[in-house]
Amino acid sequence: MSVILTSSDDKSFTVDLRVVKHSGTILGLLENVDAESLSEHPIPLMNVTGEILEKIIEWLAHHQNDVVVERDEWRKKVSGTIPQWDRDFMEQFDNDGLFHMLMGANYLDIRNLLDICTELISVQLKGKNTEQLRAHFGIINDFTPEEEAEMKKENNWNEI
């Protein structure tokens, strides 16, 4: 049995129900649909593009046989040691792509993918100072030197 998922840019994907079992959002939407109409009525996913949805489906397909585990158990598994397949899969994304995967995983309530994305982002940001973080995120410093000095004084933890 399969379901049709439609992205924000009207790209449709026919996906086996076993593939989407890790998505709380999709499972929640399926509760209100009878089995016969699954193939007739696409499920609109308005907060994710076709490009990202395709990658999320690829990730879900790889993990379709994984046992659904509690989030805390999964976090212990990935904390500091992301499984090699997931690490290799995520290497295809630049910062912008990783951000969109994170947003898509959050929107679709795919907690395991969300944890992998946040773990990778935390590794990228660890040890960076304010200027390096601005460069990483493309943020322009619009503070005067006086304003910046005042903020550093008020928030001296940011250089730890």
N, C-alpha and C. Protein backbone atom coordinates (compact mmCIF):
# COMPACT_ATOMS: atom_id res chain seq x y z
N MET A 1 0.84 -1.17 0.00
CA MET A 1 0.00 0.00 0.00
C MET A 1 0.90 1.24 0.00
N SER A 2 0.50 2.25 -0.76
CA SER A 2 1.33 3.45 -0.86
C SER A 2 0.50 4.71 -0.68
N VAL A 3 1.22 5.81 -0.53
CA VAL A 3 0.61 7.12 -0.34
C VAL A 3 1.32 8.09 -1.29
N ILE A 4 0.59 9.10 -1.74
CA ILE A 4 1.17 10.12 -2.61
C ILE A 4 1.42 11.36 -1.77
N LEU A 5 2.67 11.82 -1.79
CA LEU A 5 3.06 13.03 -1.06
C LEU A 5 3.34 14.12 -2.09
N THR A 6 2.80 15.31 -1.86
CA THR A 6 3.00 16.43 -2.78
C THR A 6 3.71 17.56 -2.05
N SER A 7 4.78 18.04 -2.66
CA SER A 7 5.60 19.08 -2.05
C SER A 7 5.02 20.47 -2.30
N SER A 8 5.66 21.47 -1.72
CA SER A 8 5.21 22.86 -1.87
C SER A 8 5.30 23.35 -3.31
N ASP A 9 6.18 22.75 -4.10
CA ASP A 9 6.31 23.14 -5.51
C ASP A 9 5.65 22.11 -6.43
N ASP A 10 4.64 21.42 -5.91
CA ASP A 10 3.78 20.50 -6.66
C ASP A 10 4.47 19.29 -7.26
N LYS A 11 5.55 18.84 -6.66
CA LYS A 11 6.16 17.59 -7.10
C LYS A 11 5.55 16.47 -6.27
N SER A 12 5.15 15.40 -6.95
CA SER A 12 4.48 14.29 -6.27
C SER A 12 5.38 13.07 -6.20
N PHE A 13 5.27 12.36 -5.09
CA PHE A 13 6.06 11.16 -4.85
C PHE A 13 5.13 10.08 -4.32
N THR A 14 5.16 8.92 -4.96
CA THR A 14 4.41 7.78 -4.47
C THR A 14 5.34 6.97 -3.57
N VAL A 15 4.92 6.81 -2.33
CA VAL A 15 5.80 6.23 -1.31
C VAL A 15 5.06 5.10 -0.59
N ASP A 16 5.76 3.99 -0.39
CA ASP A 16 5.21 2.88 0.37
C ASP A 16 4.96 3.33 1.81
N LEU A 17 3.88 2.88 2.39
CA LEU A 17 3.53 3.28 3.76
C LEU A 17 4.61 2.90 4.77
N ARG A 18 5.32 1.79 4.51
CA ARG A 18 6.38 1.39 5.45
C ARG A 18 7.51 2.42 5.50
N VAL A 19 7.68 3.15 4.40
CA VAL A 19 8.76 4.14 4.33
C VAL A 19 8.48 5.34 5.22
N VAL A 20 7.22 5.72 5.36
CA VAL A 20 6.88 6.94 6.10
C VAL A 20 6.60 6.70 7.58
N LYS A 21 6.87 5.51 8.07
CA LYS A 21 6.52 5.20 9.47
C LYS A 21 7.28 6.04 10.49
N HIS A 22 8.40 6.65 10.11
CA HIS A 22 9.16 7.49 11.04
C HIS A 22 8.69 8.94 11.04
N SER A 23 7.71 9.28 10.20
CA SER A 23 7.22 10.65 10.14
C SER A 23 5.93 10.80 10.94
N GLY A 24 6.04 11.46 12.08
CA GLY A 24 4.86 11.69 12.91
C GLY A 24 3.81 12.52 12.20
N THR A 25 4.23 13.49 11.40
CA THR A 25 3.29 14.35 10.68
C THR A 25 2.48 13.55 9.67
N ILE A 26 3.16 12.76 8.86
CA ILE A 26 2.46 11.98 7.83
C ILE A 26 1.56 10.94 8.48
N LEU A 27 2.05 10.26 9.51
CA LEU A 27 1.20 9.29 10.20
C LEU A 27 -0.03 9.95 10.80
N GLY A 28 0.13 11.14 11.34
CA GLY A 28 -1.01 11.88 11.89
C GLY A 28 -2.02 12.24 10.81
N LEU A 29 -1.53 12.64 9.64
CA LEU A 29 -2.44 12.97 8.54
C LEU A 29 -3.16 11.73 8.02
N LEU A 30 -2.48 10.59 8.06
CA LEU A 30 -3.08 9.35 7.55
C LEU A 30 -4.18 8.82 8.46
N GLU A 31 -4.20 9.24 9.71
CA GLU A 31 -5.24 8.79 10.63
C GLU A 31 -6.63 9.20 10.15
N ASN A 32 -6.70 10.27 9.39
CA ASN A 32 -7.99 10.80 8.94
C ASN A 32 -8.36 10.38 7.52
N VAL A 33 -7.60 9.44 6.96
CA VAL A 33 -7.84 9.02 5.58
C VAL A 33 -8.10 7.52 5.56
N ASP A 34 -9.13 7.09 4.83
CA ASP A 34 -9.37 5.65 4.74
C ASP A 34 -8.41 5.03 3.72
N ALA A 35 -8.14 3.75 3.89
CA ALA A 35 -7.12 3.05 3.12
C ALA A 35 -7.38 3.09 1.61
N GLU A 36 -8.66 3.03 1.20
CA GLU A 36 -8.96 3.00 -0.23
C GLU A 36 -8.62 4.31 -0.93
N SER A 37 -8.70 5.42 -0.21
CA SER A 37 -8.49 6.71 -0.86
C SER A 37 -7.04 7.19 -0.82
N LEU A 38 -6.15 6.41 -0.22
CA LEU A 38 -4.75 6.82 -0.12
C LEU A 38 -4.13 7.11 -1.48
N SER A 39 -4.37 6.23 -2.44
CA SER A 39 -3.75 6.40 -3.75
C SER A 39 -4.47 7.44 -4.61
N GLU A 40 -5.66 7.86 -4.19
CA GLU A 40 -6.43 8.83 -4.96
C GLU A 40 -6.21 10.27 -4.50
N HIS A 41 -5.91 10.46 -3.23
CA HIS A 41 -5.80 11.80 -2.67
C HIS A 41 -4.39 12.06 -2.15
N PRO A 42 -3.64 12.87 -2.87
CA PRO A 42 -2.29 13.19 -2.40
C PRO A 42 -2.31 13.94 -1.08
N ILE A 43 -1.29 13.74 -0.29
CA ILE A 43 -1.14 14.48 0.96
C ILE A 43 -0.24 15.68 0.69
N PRO A 44 -0.79 16.89 0.82
CA PRO A 44 0.03 18.08 0.57
C PRO A 44 0.97 18.37 1.74
N LEU A 45 2.22 18.59 1.42
CA LEU A 45 3.22 18.94 2.43
C LEU A 45 3.78 20.31 2.04
N MET A 46 3.10 21.34 2.48
CA MET A 46 3.34 22.69 1.99
C MET A 46 4.61 23.36 2.52
N ASN A 47 5.27 22.78 3.48
CA ASN A 47 6.47 23.42 4.04
C ASN A 47 7.76 22.73 3.64
N VAL A 48 7.72 21.94 2.58
CA VAL A 48 8.93 21.26 2.12
C VAL A 48 8.91 21.20 0.59
N THR A 49 10.06 21.55 -0.02
CA THR A 49 10.15 21.54 -1.48
C THR A 49 10.33 20.12 -2.00
N GLY A 50 10.11 19.95 -3.29
CA GLY A 50 10.28 18.64 -3.91
C GLY A 50 11.70 18.12 -3.80
N GLU A 51 12.67 19.01 -3.96
CA GLU A 51 14.08 18.60 -3.88
C GLU A 51 14.41 18.03 -2.50
N ILE A 52 13.95 18.71 -1.46
CA ILE A 52 14.23 18.25 -0.10
C ILE A 52 13.37 17.04 0.25
N LEU A 53 12.10 17.05 -0.18
CA LEU A 53 11.23 15.90 0.10
C LEU A 53 11.79 14.63 -0.53
N GLU A 54 12.34 14.75 -1.72
CA GLU A 54 12.95 13.59 -2.37
C GLU A 54 14.11 13.03 -1.54
N LYS A 55 14.93 13.91 -0.99
CA LYS A 55 16.05 13.48 -0.15
C LYS A 55 15.56 12.89 1.17
N ILE A 56 14.52 13.48 1.73
CA ILE A 56 13.96 12.95 2.98
C ILE A 56 13.38 11.56 2.73
N ILE A 57 12.70 11.39 1.61
CA ILE A 57 12.15 10.07 1.27
C ILE A 57 13.29 9.06 1.08
N GLU A 58 14.38 9.49 0.47
CA GLU A 58 15.54 8.60 0.31
C GLU A 58 16.07 8.18 1.69
N TRP A 59 16.16 9.14 2.62
CA TRP A 59 16.62 8.82 3.97
C TRP A 59 15.63 7.86 4.65
N LEU A 60 14.34 8.15 4.52
CA LEU A 60 13.31 7.29 5.12
C LEU A 60 13.36 5.88 4.54
N ALA A 61 13.55 5.78 3.22
CA ALA A 61 13.60 4.46 2.58
C ALA A 61 14.76 3.64 3.12
N HIS A 62 15.89 4.29 3.33
CA HIS A 62 17.04 3.57 3.89
C HIS A 62 16.74 3.07 5.30
N HIS A 63 15.97 3.83 6.04
CA HIS A 63 15.68 3.51 7.44
C HIS A 63 14.32 2.82 7.65
N GLN A 64 13.68 2.40 6.56
CA GLN A 64 12.33 1.84 6.70
C GLN A 64 12.27 0.57 7.53
N ASN A 65 13.35 -0.18 7.59
CA ASN A 65 13.35 -1.41 8.38
C ASN A 65 13.86 -1.20 9.80
N ASP A 66 14.25 0.04 10.11
CA ASP A 66 14.68 0.35 11.47
C ASP A 66 13.49 0.26 12.42
N VAL A 67 13.74 -0.23 13.58
CA VAL A 67 12.71 -0.26 14.61
C VAL A 67 12.49 1.17 15.09
N VAL A 68 11.25 1.56 15.23
CA VAL A 68 10.96 2.88 15.76
C VAL A 68 11.28 2.86 17.25
N VAL A 69 12.25 3.67 17.65
CA VAL A 69 12.69 3.70 19.04
C VAL A 69 12.35 5.04 19.66
N GLU A 70 12.35 5.06 20.96
CA GLU A 70 12.12 6.31 21.67
C GLU A 70 13.21 7.31 21.32
N ARG A 71 12.86 8.56 21.31
CA ARG A 71 13.80 9.59 20.91
C ARG A 71 15.04 9.63 21.79
N ASP A 72 14.89 9.49 23.09
CA ASP A 72 16.05 9.52 23.98
C ASP A 72 17.02 8.38 23.65
N GLU A 73 16.48 7.22 23.32
CA GLU A 73 17.33 6.08 22.97
C GLU A 73 18.09 6.37 21.67
N TRP A 74 17.40 6.96 20.69
CA TRP A 74 18.05 7.31 19.43
C TRP A 74 19.12 8.37 19.65
N ARG A 75 18.82 9.38 20.46
CA ARG A 75 19.80 10.44 20.73
C ARG A 75 21.08 9.87 21.34
N LYS A 76 20.93 8.92 22.24
CA LYS A 76 22.12 8.29 22.83
C LYS A 76 22.94 7.60 21.74
N LYS A 77 22.23 7.01 20.77
CA LYS A 77 22.90 6.28 19.70
C LYS A 77 23.69 7.23 18.80
N VAL A 78 23.13 8.40 18.46
CA VAL A 78 23.79 9.29 17.51
C VAL A 78 24.66 10.35 18.16
N SER A 79 24.50 10.58 19.44
CA SER A 79 25.25 11.65 20.09
C SER A 79 26.75 11.42 19.96
N GLY A 80 27.38 12.25 19.17
CA GLY A 80 28.82 12.14 18.96
C GLY A 80 29.24 11.10 17.95
N THR A 81 28.37 10.16 17.62
CA THR A 81 28.72 9.11 16.67
C THR A 81 27.56 8.86 15.72
N ILE A 82 27.46 9.66 14.70
CA ILE A 82 26.41 9.48 13.70
C ILE A 82 26.76 8.26 12.87
N PRO A 83 25.78 7.36 12.64
CA PRO A 83 26.07 6.17 11.83
C PRO A 83 26.69 6.55 10.48
N GLN A 84 27.59 5.73 9.99
CA GLN A 84 28.37 6.06 8.78
C GLN A 84 27.48 6.33 7.57
N TRP A 85 26.43 5.51 7.35
CA TRP A 85 25.58 5.76 6.19
C TRP A 85 24.96 7.14 6.28
N ASP A 86 24.48 7.52 7.46
CA ASP A 86 23.86 8.83 7.64
C ASP A 86 24.88 9.95 7.44
N ARG A 87 26.08 9.75 7.94
CA ARG A 87 27.15 10.75 7.76
C ARG A 87 27.44 10.93 6.26
N ASP A 88 27.59 9.83 5.54
CA ASP A 88 27.85 9.89 4.10
C ASP A 88 26.69 10.56 3.36
N PHE A 89 25.47 10.20 3.73
CA PHE A 89 24.28 10.77 3.09
C PHE A 89 24.23 12.28 3.29
N MET A 90 24.51 12.73 4.49
CA MET A 90 24.39 14.16 4.81
C MET A 90 25.52 14.99 4.21
N GLU A 91 26.62 14.37 3.79
CA GLU A 91 27.73 15.11 3.20
C GLU A 91 27.37 15.77 1.88
N GLN A 92 26.28 15.34 1.24
CA GLN A 92 25.90 15.93 -0.03
C GLN A 92 25.32 17.33 0.12
N PHE A 93 25.02 17.75 1.35
CA PHE A 93 24.36 19.03 1.57
C PHE A 93 25.35 20.10 2.01
N ASP A 94 25.20 21.28 1.41
CA ASP A 94 25.93 22.44 1.91
C ASP A 94 25.16 22.98 3.11
N ASN A 95 25.60 24.09 3.68
CA ASN A 95 24.92 24.64 4.86
C ASN A 95 23.45 24.90 4.61
N ASP A 96 23.13 25.47 3.45
CA ASP A 96 21.74 25.77 3.12
C ASP A 96 20.91 24.49 3.00
N GLY A 97 21.47 23.49 2.33
CA GLY A 97 20.77 22.22 2.19
C GLY A 97 20.55 21.52 3.52
N LEU A 98 21.57 21.57 4.37
CA LEU A 98 21.44 20.97 5.71
C LEU A 98 20.35 21.67 6.50
N PHE A 99 20.29 23.00 6.38
CA PHE A 99 19.24 23.77 7.06
C PHE A 99 17.86 23.35 6.55
N HIS A 100 17.71 23.17 5.23
CA HIS A 100 16.41 22.77 4.68
C HIS A 100 16.05 21.33 5.08
N MET A 101 17.05 20.47 5.18
CA MET A 101 16.78 19.11 5.68
C MET A 101 16.31 19.17 7.13
N LEU A 102 16.96 20.01 7.93
CA LEU A 102 16.56 20.18 9.33
C LEU A 102 15.12 20.68 9.41
N MET A 103 14.80 21.69 8.62
CA MET A 103 13.45 22.25 8.63
C MET A 103 12.43 21.22 8.15
N GLY A 104 12.78 20.45 7.12
CA GLY A 104 11.89 19.41 6.61
C GLY A 104 11.68 18.31 7.63
N ALA A 105 12.75 17.88 8.29
CA ALA A 105 12.65 16.85 9.32
C ALA A 105 11.80 17.33 10.48
N ASN A 106 11.94 18.60 10.83
CA ASN A 106 11.13 19.17 11.91
C ASN A 106 9.66 19.22 11.50
N TYR A 107 9.37 19.73 10.31
CA TYR A 107 8.00 19.84 9.81
C TYR A 107 7.33 18.47 9.72
N LEU A 108 8.08 17.48 9.25
CA LEU A 108 7.52 16.14 9.08
C LEU A 108 7.63 15.29 10.35
N ASP A 109 8.17 15.88 11.41
CA ASP A 109 8.31 15.19 12.69
C ASP A 109 9.05 13.86 12.53
N ILE A 110 10.22 13.94 11.88
CA ILE A 110 11.10 12.78 11.74
C ILE A 110 12.22 12.99 12.74
N ARG A 111 11.99 12.56 13.94
CA ARG A 111 12.89 12.90 15.04
C ARG A 111 14.31 12.39 14.86
N ASN A 112 14.46 11.20 14.31
CA ASN A 112 15.81 10.66 14.14
C ASN A 112 16.61 11.50 13.14
N LEU A 113 15.99 11.89 12.04
CA LEU A 113 16.66 12.74 11.06
C LEU A 113 16.93 14.12 11.64
N LEU A 114 15.99 14.63 12.40
CA LEU A 114 16.17 15.92 13.06
C LEU A 114 17.39 15.88 14.00
N ASP A 115 17.52 14.81 14.75
CA ASP A 115 18.66 14.67 15.66
C ASP A 115 19.99 14.60 14.91
N ILE A 116 20.00 13.90 13.77
CA ILE A 116 21.22 13.83 12.97
C ILE A 116 21.59 15.22 12.45
N CYS A 117 20.61 15.95 11.94
CA CYS A 117 20.87 17.30 11.43
C CYS A 117 21.39 18.21 12.53
N THR A 118 20.77 18.18 13.69
CA THR A 118 21.22 19.06 14.78
C THR A 118 22.60 18.66 15.28
N GLU A 119 22.88 17.37 15.31
CA GLU A 119 24.21 16.91 15.72
C GLU A 119 25.27 17.41 14.74
N LEU A 120 24.99 17.32 13.43
CA LEU A 120 25.95 17.79 12.44
C LEU A 120 26.15 19.30 12.53
N ILE A 121 25.08 20.03 12.73
CA ILE A 121 25.19 21.49 12.86
C ILE A 121 25.99 21.85 14.10
N SER A 122 25.75 21.15 15.20
CA SER A 122 26.49 21.46 16.43
C SER A 122 27.98 21.21 16.25
N VAL A 123 28.34 20.17 15.50
CA VAL A 123 29.75 19.89 15.24
C VAL A 123 30.36 21.01 14.40
N GLN A 124 29.61 21.50 13.41
CA GLN A 124 30.10 22.59 12.57
C GLN A 124 30.32 23.88 13.36
N LEU A 125 29.49 24.14 14.35
CA LEU A 125 29.53 25.40 15.07
C LEU A 125 30.43 25.38 16.30
N LYS A 126 30.75 24.20 16.77
CA LYS A 126 31.53 24.07 18.01
C LYS A 126 32.87 24.78 17.88
N GLY A 127 33.16 25.60 18.89
CA GLY A 127 34.44 26.28 18.96
C GLY A 127 34.56 27.54 18.12
N LYS A 128 33.51 27.93 17.41
CA LYS A 128 33.59 29.13 16.58
C LYS A 128 33.30 30.38 17.41
N ASN A 129 34.03 31.44 17.10
CA ASN A 129 33.76 32.71 17.78
C ASN A 129 32.69 33.49 17.01
N THR A 130 32.36 34.65 17.49
CA THR A 130 31.28 35.45 16.91
C THR A 130 31.51 35.73 15.43
N GLU A 131 32.71 36.14 15.07
CA GLU A 131 33.00 36.47 13.68
C GLU A 131 32.89 35.23 12.78
N GLN A 132 33.36 34.10 13.27
CA GLN A 132 33.27 32.86 12.49
C GLN A 132 31.82 32.42 12.32
N LEU A 133 31.00 32.61 13.35
CA LEU A 133 29.58 32.27 13.25
C LEU A 133 28.88 33.18 12.25
N ARG A 134 29.22 34.46 12.28
CA ARG A 134 28.64 35.39 11.29
C ARG A 134 29.00 34.94 9.88
N ALA A 135 30.25 34.59 9.66
CA ALA A 135 30.68 34.14 8.34
C ALA A 135 29.96 32.86 7.94
N HIS A 136 29.81 31.93 8.87
CA HIS A 136 29.16 30.65 8.60
C HIS A 136 27.72 30.85 8.14
N PHE A 137 27.01 31.76 8.81
CA PHE A 137 25.60 31.98 8.51
C PHE A 137 25.37 33.15 7.55
N GLY A 138 26.43 33.81 7.11
CA GLY A 138 26.27 34.94 6.20
C GLY A 138 25.62 36.14 6.85
N ILE A 139 25.92 36.38 8.11
CA ILE A 139 25.32 37.49 8.85
C ILE A 139 26.27 38.68 8.80
N ILE A 140 25.74 39.81 8.40
CA ILE A 140 26.53 41.04 8.35
C ILE A 140 26.49 41.70 9.71
N ASN A 141 27.65 42.11 10.19
CA ASN A 141 27.73 42.80 11.48
C ASN A 141 27.32 44.26 11.29
N ASP A 142 26.15 44.61 11.78
CA ASP A 142 25.68 45.99 11.65
C ASP A 142 25.75 46.75 12.97
N PHE A 143 26.51 46.23 13.92
CA PHE A 143 26.70 46.92 15.19
C PHE A 143 27.89 47.87 15.10
N THR A 144 27.79 48.97 15.79
CA THR A 144 28.94 49.86 15.91
C THR A 144 29.94 49.20 16.85
N PRO A 145 31.20 49.60 16.79
CA PRO A 145 32.17 49.02 17.73
C PRO A 145 31.76 49.22 19.19
N GLU A 146 31.12 50.33 19.48
CA GLU A 146 30.67 50.59 20.85
C GLU A 146 29.57 49.61 21.26
N GLU A 147 28.59 49.40 20.35
CA GLU A 147 27.49 48.47 20.64
C GLU A 147 28.03 47.05 20.83
N GLU A 148 28.96 46.68 19.98
CA GLU A 148 29.53 45.33 20.07
C GLU A 148 30.31 45.15 21.37
N ALA A 149 31.07 46.17 21.77
CA ALA A 149 31.81 46.10 23.03
C ALA A 149 30.86 45.97 24.21
N GLU A 150 29.75 46.70 24.17
CA GLU A 150 28.76 46.63 25.25
C GLU A 150 28.14 45.23 25.32
N MET A 151 27.80 44.67 24.16
CA MET A 151 27.22 43.32 24.14
C MET A 151 28.21 42.28 24.66
N LYS A 152 29.46 42.41 24.27
CA LYS A 152 30.47 41.46 24.76
C LYS A 152 30.62 41.55 26.26
N LYS A 153 30.52 42.78 26.78
CA LYS A 153 30.63 42.96 28.23
C LYS A 153 29.43 42.32 28.94
N GLU A 154 28.23 42.50 28.38
CA GLU A 154 27.01 41.94 28.97
C GLU A 154 26.94 40.43 28.83
N ASN A 155 27.51 39.91 27.76
CA ASN A 155 27.40 38.48 27.45
C ASN A 155 28.78 37.86 27.29
N ASN A 156 29.61 37.98 28.28
CA ASN A 156 30.98 37.51 28.14
C ASN A 156 31.11 36.01 27.97
N TRP A 157 30.05 35.25 28.10
CA TRP A 157 30.08 33.80 27.90
C TRP A 157 30.27 33.45 26.43
N ASN A 158 29.98 34.38 25.49
CA ASN A 158 30.02 34.02 24.07
C ASN A 158 31.42 33.76 23.54
N GLU A 159 32.44 34.04 24.30
CA GLU A 159 33.81 33.80 23.86
C GLU A 159 34.45 32.64 24.61
N ILE A 160 33.65 31.86 25.30
CA ILE A 160 34.18 30.74 26.08
C ILE A 160 34.67 29.66 25.16
